[in-house]
Protein backbone atom coordinates (compact mmCIF):
# COMPACT_ATOMS: atom_id res chain seq x y z
CA ILE A 1 -17.15 -5.68 -7.48
CA SER A 2 -16.10 -2.17 -6.96
CA GLU A 3 -19.48 -0.92 -7.95
CA ILE A 4 -21.58 -3.38 -5.76
CA SER A 5 -21.44 -1.40 -2.62
CA LYS A 6 -22.71 1.74 -4.26
CA ILE A 7 -25.62 -0.26 -5.98
CA GLN A 8 -26.45 -1.91 -2.70
CA LYS A 9 -26.82 1.33 -0.91
CA GLU A 10 -29.03 2.72 -3.78
CA MET A 11 -31.32 -0.38 -3.57
CA ALA A 12 -31.61 0.12 0.27
CA SER A 13 -32.89 3.63 -0.30
CA PHE A 14 -35.72 2.00 -2.33
CA GLY A 15 -36.46 -0.55 0.34
CA ILE A 16 -34.88 -3.44 -1.68
CA THR A 17 -32.40 -5.92 0.01
CA LEU A 18 -29.28 -7.30 -1.76
CA LEU A 19 -29.58 -10.85 -0.38
CA PRO A 20 -26.35 -12.74 0.14
CA PRO A 21 -25.22 -15.64 -1.98
CA HIS A 22 -26.63 -19.14 -1.14
CA ILE A 23 -25.49 -22.31 -2.66
CA THR A 24 -29.25 -23.53 -3.45
CA LYS A 25 -31.19 -20.38 -3.36
CA SER A 26 -28.73 -18.33 -5.70
CA LYS A 27 -28.77 -18.55 -9.43
CA MET A 28 -25.54 -18.16 -11.42
CA ASP A 29 -26.12 -14.58 -12.02
CA PHE A 30 -28.27 -11.94 -9.87
CA SER A 31 -31.91 -13.02 -9.56
CA THR A 32 -35.05 -11.48 -8.17
CA GLU A 33 -36.57 -13.15 -4.98
CA GLY A 34 -39.84 -11.34 -4.13
CA LYS A 35 -39.03 -7.59 -4.08
CA ASP A 36 -35.41 -8.28 -3.33
CA ILE A 37 -32.45 -9.23 -5.29
CA ARG A 38 -30.29 -12.48 -4.75
CA PHE A 39 -26.50 -12.33 -5.33
CA GLY A 40 -25.27 -14.50 -8.10
CA LEU A 41 -22.80 -17.19 -7.62
CA ILE A 42 -20.49 -16.41 -10.44
CA SER A 43 -20.16 -12.74 -9.09
CA ILE A 44 -18.28 -14.07 -6.12
CA LYS A 45 -14.67 -12.92 -6.58
CA GLY A 46 -12.47 -15.86 -7.61
CA ILE A 47 -15.36 -17.83 -9.37
CA SER A 48 -15.13 -17.75 -13.08
CA ASP A 49 -17.73 -18.39 -15.90
CA LYS A 50 -15.92 -21.54 -16.29
CA SER A 51 -17.07 -22.87 -13.12
CA ILE A 52 -20.83 -22.69 -13.98
CA GLN A 53 -21.49 -26.35 -14.83
CA LYS A 54 -19.19 -27.40 -11.89
CA LEU A 55 -21.17 -25.16 -9.55
CA ASN A 56 -24.58 -26.61 -11.04
CA ASP A 57 -23.27 -30.19 -10.21
CA PHE A 58 -22.47 -29.02 -6.63
CA LYS A 59 -25.81 -27.23 -5.95
CA LYS A 60 -27.44 -30.02 -4.05
CA ASP A 61 -28.01 -30.60 -0.37
CA SER A 62 -25.32 -32.43 1.55
CA SER A 63 -26.12 -33.57 5.04
CA THR A 64 -22.78 -33.04 6.59
CA LYS A 65 -19.69 -30.84 6.22
CA LEU A 66 -17.44 -33.67 5.19
CA GLU A 67 -20.05 -34.75 2.54
CA VAL A 68 -19.91 -31.03 1.22
CA PHE A 69 -16.07 -31.30 0.91
CA GLU A 70 -16.55 -34.56 -1.11
CA ALA A 71 -19.19 -33.23 -3.28
CA ALA A 72 -17.20 -30.03 -4.15
CA LYS A 73 -14.38 -32.46 -5.37
CA GLU A 74 -16.76 -34.85 -7.17
CA ALA A 75 -18.04 -31.67 -9.01
CA GLY A 76 -14.54 -30.63 -9.96
CA LEU A 77 -14.39 -27.49 -7.72
CA THR A 78 -11.24 -26.46 -6.44
CA VAL A 79 -10.40 -25.88 -2.90
CA SER A 80 -10.04 -22.19 -3.50
CA ILE A 81 -13.45 -21.95 -5.09
CA LEU A 82 -14.87 -23.88 -2.06
CA CYS A 83 -13.30 -21.51 0.39
CA ALA A 84 -14.67 -18.52 -1.43
CA LEU A 85 -18.10 -20.04 -1.17
CA ILE A 86 -17.58 -20.66 2.41
CA HIS A 87 -16.09 -17.20 3.41
CA SER A 88 -18.74 -15.35 1.39
CA GLY A 89 -21.34 -17.14 3.54
CA ALA A 90 -22.81 -19.11 0.64
CA LEU A 91 -22.49 -22.33 2.57
CA GLN A 92 -24.46 -22.03 5.89
CA GLY A 93 -25.65 -24.52 8.52
CA PHE A 94 -22.29 -25.62 10.05
CA LYS A 95 -21.71 -25.42 13.85
CA GLN A 96 -18.20 -24.10 13.29
CA SER A 97 -17.37 -20.60 12.09
CA ARG A 98 -16.68 -19.66 8.55
CA SER A 99 -13.03 -19.45 9.19
CA LYS A 100 -12.78 -22.82 10.96
CA VAL A 101 -14.75 -24.52 7.91
CA ALA A 102 -12.56 -22.95 5.28
CA TYR A 103 -9.42 -24.26 7.38
CA GLU A 104 -11.04 -27.69 7.56
CA ALA A 105 -11.67 -27.57 3.69
CA GLN A 106 -7.95 -26.87 3.16
CA LEU A 107 -7.00 -29.54 5.55
CA TRP A 108 -9.32 -32.07 3.68
CA ASN A 109 -7.69 -31.18 0.59
CA VAL A 110 -4.23 -32.38 1.82
CA LEU A 111 -5.52 -35.86 3.02
CA THR A 112 -5.28 -38.98 0.88
CA GLU A 113 -8.58 -40.93 -0.08
CA ARG A 114 -7.62 -43.53 2.59
CA GLU A 115 -7.20 -40.97 5.31
CA LYS A 116 -10.66 -39.21 4.30
CA ARG A 117 -12.38 -42.62 4.54
CA LEU A 118 -10.91 -43.00 8.09
CA CYS A 119 -12.11 -39.53 8.96
CA LEU A 120 -15.58 -40.13 7.75
CA GLU A 121 -15.83 -43.19 9.93
CA LEU A 122 -15.12 -41.12 12.98
CA ALA A 123 -17.19 -38.07 11.97
CA GLY A 124 -20.43 -38.82 13.92
CA LYS A 125 -18.53 -39.22 17.13
CA HIS A 126 -16.84 -35.64 16.77
CA GLU A 127 -19.73 -33.57 15.52
CA HIS A 128 -18.11 -33.68 12.07
CA ASP A 129 -15.13 -31.50 13.49
CA LEU A 130 -12.30 -32.48 11.18
CA VAL A 131 -9.58 -31.01 13.57
CA GLN A 132 -10.94 -33.25 16.30
CA ILE A 133 -11.38 -36.19 14.02
CA PHE A 134 -7.79 -35.97 12.74
CA LYS A 135 -6.36 -35.56 16.27
CA THR A 136 -8.20 -38.76 17.18
CA LEU A 137 -7.04 -40.51 14.15
CA LEU A 138 -3.31 -39.72 14.82
CA ALA A 139 -3.77 -41.51 18.30
CA LYS A 140 -5.35 -44.77 16.72
CA ASN A 141 -3.66 -48.02 15.52
CA ASP A 142 -5.02 -50.55 12.93
CA GLU A 143 -5.73 -54.16 13.77
CA LYS A 144 -2.09 -54.83 13.46
CA GLY A 145 -1.16 -52.36 15.93
CA LYS A 146 0.35 -49.97 13.53
CA PRO A 147 -0.51 -46.14 13.56
CA TYR A 148 -3.10 -45.13 10.90
CA ILE A 149 -0.94 -42.21 10.07
CA LYS A 150 2.78 -42.52 10.37
CA GLU A 151 4.97 -39.84 12.03
CA SER A 152 6.42 -38.91 8.53
CA ARG A 153 3.11 -38.52 7.01
CA HIS A 154 1.89 -36.53 9.95
CA GLU A 155 4.79 -34.25 9.41
CA THR A 156 3.93 -33.82 5.73
CA ILE A 157 0.34 -33.05 6.42
CA LYS A 158 1.39 -30.48 9.15
CA LYS A 159 3.68 -28.70 6.79
CA LYS A 160 1.11 -28.40 3.82
CA SER A 161 -1.70 -27.29 6.25
CA THR A 162 0.35 -25.09 8.70
CA PRO A 163 -0.24 -21.77 6.30
CA TYR A 164 -3.91 -22.44 6.52
CA LYS A 165 -3.84 -22.88 10.18
CA ALA A 166 -2.07 -19.67 10.66
CA ILE A 167 -4.76 -17.78 8.74
CA TYR A 168 -7.46 -19.35 10.81
CA ASP A 169 -5.74 -18.62 14.12
CA GLN A 170 -5.46 -14.83 12.92
CA ASN A 171 -9.06 -14.87 11.79
CA SER A 172 -10.46 -16.54 14.88
CA LYS A 173 -9.33 -13.57 17.09
CA SER A 174 -12.30 -11.75 15.70
CA GLU A 175 -14.74 -14.03 13.67
CA SER A 176 -17.04 -10.97 13.04
CA PHE A 177 -14.35 -8.81 11.45
CA ALA A 178 -12.98 -11.79 9.42
CA ASN A 179 -16.68 -12.38 8.16
CA TRP A 180 -16.87 -8.69 7.43
CA TYR A 181 -13.56 -8.65 5.61
CA TYR A 182 -14.23 -11.59 3.38
CA GLU A 183 -17.79 -10.42 2.54
CA LYS A 184 -16.23 -7.00 1.36
CA HIS A 185 -13.42 -8.70 -0.66
CA LEU A 186 -15.38 -11.41 -2.28
CA LEU A 187 -18.76 -9.69 -2.86
CA GLY A 188 -17.93 -5.87 -2.88
CA TYR A 189 -20.53 -5.25 0.00
CA THR A 190 -21.27 -6.63 3.42
CA TYR A 191 -24.57 -8.10 4.84
CA GLY A 192 -23.65 -9.10 8.27
CA LYS A 193 -22.42 -6.83 11.15
CA ALA A 194 -21.52 -3.23 10.12
CA LEU A 195 -17.84 -2.34 10.77
CA LYS A 196 -18.82 0.19 13.36
CA ASP A 197 -20.75 -2.42 15.39
CA ILE A 198 -17.71 -4.88 15.37
CA PHE A 199 -15.35 -2.16 16.77
CA ILE A 200 -17.62 -0.38 19.13
CA GLU A 201 -16.49 -2.31 22.19
CA LYS A 202 -12.96 -1.05 21.69
CA SER A 203 -14.01 2.32 20.80
CA PRO A 204 -17.42 3.33 22.31
CA ASN A 205 -17.38 6.76 20.68
CA LEU A 206 -17.40 5.35 17.11
CA MET A 207 -19.99 6.91 14.68
CA GLY A 208 -21.27 5.43 11.28
CA LEU A 209 -20.46 7.80 8.37
CA GLY A 210 -24.14 8.42 7.77
CA GLU A 211 -24.20 9.75 11.32
CA VAL A 212 -20.85 11.73 10.83
CA ASN A 213 -22.29 13.49 7.59
CA GLU A 214 -25.16 14.73 9.82
CA GLN A 215 -22.93 16.51 12.36
CA ARG A 216 -22.45 20.29 12.51
CA LYS A 217 -19.17 21.83 11.31
CA GLY A 218 -16.37 21.87 13.98
CA ARG A 219 -17.82 18.83 15.69
CA LYS A 220 -15.18 16.16 16.84
CA VAL A 221 -15.92 12.83 15.12
CA THR A 222 -14.37 9.32 15.44
CA PHE A 223 -15.34 6.71 12.90
CA ILE A 224 -14.08 3.55 11.08
CA GLY A 225 -14.16 2.78 7.41
CA THR A 226 -12.27 1.63 4.22
CA VAL A 227 -10.07 3.90 2.36
CA VAL A 228 -11.67 3.87 -1.09
CA SER A 229 -9.44 6.22 -3.15
CA LYS A 230 -5.65 6.20 -3.18
CA PRO A 231 -4.14 8.58 -0.45
CA THR A 232 -2.33 11.33 -2.26
CA LEU A 233 0.18 13.65 -0.60
CA ARG A 234 -0.06 17.28 -2.08
CA THR A 235 1.57 20.60 -1.23
CA SER A 236 -0.64 23.75 -1.41
CA LYS A 237 0.28 27.20 -2.72
CA ASN A 238 1.31 28.52 0.59
CA GLY A 239 3.55 25.56 1.15
CA ASN A 240 1.43 23.41 3.55
CA ARG A 241 1.72 19.58 3.03
CA TYR A 242 -1.43 17.63 3.09
CA LEU A 243 -2.73 14.08 2.44
CA ILE A 244 -6.20 13.57 0.84
CA THR A 245 -8.32 10.50 0.50
CA GLU A 246 -11.81 9.18 0.81
CA VAL A 247 -13.21 6.72 3.27
CA ASP A 248 -16.66 4.92 3.42
CA ASP A 249 -18.65 2.48 5.32
CA GLU A 250 -22.12 0.80 4.99
CA THR A 251 -23.93 4.05 5.47
CA GLY A 252 -21.93 6.92 3.69
CA ARG A 253 -18.67 8.39 2.48
CA VAL A 254 -16.40 11.23 3.55
CA LYS A 255 -13.28 13.11 2.29
CA VAL A 256 -10.40 12.90 4.72
CA MET A 257 -7.58 15.50 5.05
CA LEU A 258 -4.43 15.40 7.00
CA PHE A 259 -2.12 18.33 7.33
CA ASN A 260 1.51 19.26 8.21
CA ASP A 261 3.16 17.64 11.17
CA LYS A 262 0.00 15.38 11.64
CA ILE A 263 1.22 13.39 8.48
CA GLU A 264 4.54 12.43 10.33
CA MET A 265 2.60 11.70 13.41
CA CYS A 266 0.26 9.30 11.27
CA GLU A 267 3.29 7.65 9.89
CA ASP A 268 4.70 7.18 13.41
CA GLU A 269 1.61 5.56 14.51
CA ASN A 270 1.39 3.19 11.64
CA ASN A 271 5.02 1.62 11.39
CA ASP A 272 6.40 4.43 9.39
CA THR A 273 3.79 4.16 6.49
CA LEU A 274 0.75 6.19 5.47
CA PRO A 275 -2.69 4.64 4.74
CA GLU A 276 -3.19 2.83 1.49
CA ASP A 277 -6.16 2.12 -0.64
CA LYS A 278 -8.41 -0.63 0.83
CA ASN A 279 -7.00 -0.17 4.26
CA ILE A 280 -9.59 -0.24 7.18
CA VAL A 281 -8.84 2.79 9.20
CA VAL A 282 -10.08 4.53 12.47
CA VAL A 283 -10.24 8.22 11.77
CA VAL A 284 -10.32 10.86 14.67
CA GLY A 285 -10.96 14.56 13.54
CA GLN A 286 -13.11 17.60 13.03
CA LYS A 287 -16.14 17.73 10.68
CA GLN A 288 -15.96 20.43 7.93
CA ASP A 289 -18.44 21.55 5.26
CA ASP A 290 -19.24 19.37 2.32
CA ASN A 291 -18.76 16.04 4.20
CA THR A 292 -15.00 16.79 4.71
CA ILE A 293 -12.94 15.75 7.74
CA PHE A 294 -9.74 17.43 8.92
CA ALA A 295 -8.12 14.38 10.78
CA ASP A 296 -5.97 14.50 13.75
CA ARG A 297 -5.30 10.83 13.57
CA ILE A 298 -5.72 7.91 11.07
CA ILE A 299 -4.99 4.44 12.65
CA VAL A 300 -4.80 1.43 10.20
CA GLN A 301 -6.50 -1.54 11.43
CA THR A 302 -4.84 -4.87 10.60
């Protein structure tokens, strides 16, 4: 996965697109599609070679989201593999966001077979939104006047699903950022919105790294990217402390250096820590020769 981003950038320079994974269009390994290349399903992080037959059994069209959840179970796919497919964008066509569908898959995994059947009966009335279906089910009684889901059972479901609800609540604050993050984490590259475009509303002066590399020496630049080499603290021969690392985005890569008292300022701004490998950071600094940036600020993004 660590090499995919480099390969994707090389392909782009030749006019070849690395197409995202797709449950029916993708083969197990990378494959050609016209002049482009389609991402292979078993190259998604978290999906092993052992899953090939299960994925083949699952590779069929299901008309609704809940049917997809059931088909995954029947094929023997774990919920973690199903969520990897969802977050990577391999399962498309749902009205809800990827983050919401992944949370619903986790909630579905907690339900009993009886509870799932009851949810399926209500699905059409709620546009197959499992969260709304479940809320309706909680308020319904059977023909004997007893609740379909007892309070004790509701507490159990809530306890098991709460961690996934918390993840969804966090991701829903910025769906485009969540999609970017999971694409990068699961595929090694991103194909949706660029990181700069996600954050540009908060920071109108953001540049892409391709643009940063074109700036003249001494120009002040502000950009966002991913730390791709472990930041290292060093001391020069004349006693100056400095931090050195590399940051990249979809368009390029730069070396970033932070000197002396600005290292302490960076720690103060980031809860007494320095940036780490794979952190997403906003950098403000001055362009130097050889695609090097002398940073004034490095702000880690959660």
